[in-house]
Protein backbone atom coordinates (compact mmCIF):
# COMPACT_ATOMS: atom_id res chain seq x y z
CA MET A 1 -0.29 -0.07 -0.11
CA GLU A 2 0.88 3.68 -1.16
CA SER A 3 1.92 5.76 1.69
CA VAL A 4 -0.29 9.27 1.90
CA GLY A 5 3.04 11.30 0.72
CA GLN A 6 3.22 8.85 -2.64
CA GLU A 7 -0.65 8.72 -3.43
CA VAL A 8 -0.38 12.74 -2.54
CA GLY A 9 2.57 12.67 -5.26
CA LYS A 10 1.04 11.06 -7.96
CA ILE A 11 -1.31 13.23 -7.96
CA GLU A 12 0.84 16.03 -8.19
CA ILE A 13 2.98 14.69 -10.80
CA ARG A 14 -0.74 14.01 -13.14
CA LEU A 15 -1.23 17.57 -12.23
CA ARG A 16 1.88 19.05 -14.47
CA GLN A 17 1.36 16.84 -16.75
CA LEU A 18 -2.20 17.93 -17.40
CA GLY A 19 -0.84 21.22 -17.19
CA THR A 20 1.31 20.45 -19.92
CA ARG A 21 -1.19 18.80 -22.02
CA LEU A 22 -3.76 22.20 -22.15
CA ASP A 23 -1.27 24.08 -22.91
CA ARG A 24 -1.06 21.95 -26.35
CA LEU A 25 -4.53 22.36 -25.77
CA VAL A 26 -4.07 26.20 -25.93
CA ALA A 27 -1.59 26.97 -28.63
CA LYS A 28 -4.19 24.62 -31.15
CA ALA A 29 -7.29 26.21 -29.60
CA ASP A 30 -5.64 29.51 -30.95
CA GLU A 31 -5.06 28.47 -34.18
CA THR A 32 -8.89 27.41 -34.73
CA GLY A 33 -11.50 29.34 -36.28
CA ALA A 34 -13.42 31.84 -34.06
CA GLU A 35 -16.41 30.91 -33.42
CA VAL A 36 -14.60 26.86 -32.89
CA LYS A 37 -11.36 29.06 -30.41
CA SER A 38 -14.57 30.26 -28.23
CA GLU A 39 -16.51 26.88 -27.79
CA TYR A 40 -12.89 25.38 -27.16
CA ARG A 41 -11.80 28.25 -24.81
CA LYS A 42 -14.83 27.97 -22.66
CA GLN A 43 -14.37 24.16 -21.99
CA ILE A 44 -10.03 24.86 -21.34
CA ASP A 45 -11.50 27.36 -18.88
CA CYS A 46 -13.95 25.10 -16.78
CA ILE A 47 -10.77 21.92 -17.33
CA LYS A 48 -8.39 24.71 -15.75
CA ASP A 49 -10.69 25.51 -13.05
CA LYS A 50 -11.47 21.66 -12.15
CA ARG A 51 -8.07 21.30 -12.12
CA SER A 52 -7.80 24.35 -9.33
CA VAL A 53 -10.39 22.42 -7.04
CA VAL A 54 -7.66 19.60 -7.23
CA GLN A 55 -5.34 21.73 -6.11
CA SER A 56 -6.64 23.46 -3.90
CA LYS A 57 -7.63 20.60 -2.79
CA LEU A 58 -4.26 19.06 -2.17
CA THR A 59 -3.32 22.66 -0.75
CA GLU A 60 -5.81 22.41 2.07
CA PHE A 61 -4.55 19.13 2.98
CA ARG A 62 -0.94 20.29 3.41
CA ALA A 63 -1.59 23.29 5.70
CA ALA A 64 -2.94 20.15 8.14
CA ASN A 65 0.07 18.95 8.30
CA GLY A 66 -0.71 15.63 6.46
CA GLN A 67 -2.83 14.67 9.07
CA LYS A 68 -7.00 13.01 8.37
CA TRP A 69 -5.77 12.00 4.69
CA ASP A 70 -8.91 10.34 4.32
CA ASN A 71 -10.99 13.14 5.52
CA PHE A 72 -9.67 15.06 2.45
CA LYS A 73 -8.88 11.56 -0.02
CA GLY A 74 -12.98 11.92 -1.16
CA GLY A 75 -12.84 15.44 -2.00
CA VAL A 76 -9.45 14.71 -4.01
CA GLU A 77 -11.10 11.69 -5.74
CA THR A 78 -14.51 12.83 -6.54
CA ALA A 79 -12.49 16.67 -7.86
CA TRP A 80 -10.11 14.29 -10.00
CA HIS A 81 -13.39 12.05 -11.53
CA ASP A 82 -14.21 15.87 -12.29
CA LEU A 83 -11.48 16.80 -13.72
CA GLU A 84 -11.12 14.19 -15.40
CA ASN A 85 -13.93 13.79 -17.12
CA ALA A 86 -14.21 17.32 -18.49
CA PHE A 87 -10.92 16.15 -20.24
CA LYS A 88 -12.43 13.64 -21.86
CA ALA A 89 -15.48 16.03 -22.74
CA LEU A 90 -13.17 18.22 -24.14
CA LYS A 91 -11.19 15.74 -26.47
CA GLN A 92 -14.52 14.39 -27.86
């Protein structure tokens, strides 16, 4: 079983990777037509908001000095699931 630190570390790595993917999507959106670009940007902004939620959950956990991971884990998992769904919707 992974330690709490390992779980948090993996989530942080995934967030950085997602940030890189988002940067690529923003560049791709900038190359599209105005109508498509507007809708694409809205979806990207939604993903960025959801990514911020995940990051804030991890920040809350760190502020609690790593206590009560079980209290934070459910919120982090839910926020991550929402983030993944928003990203999948954008790719479609």
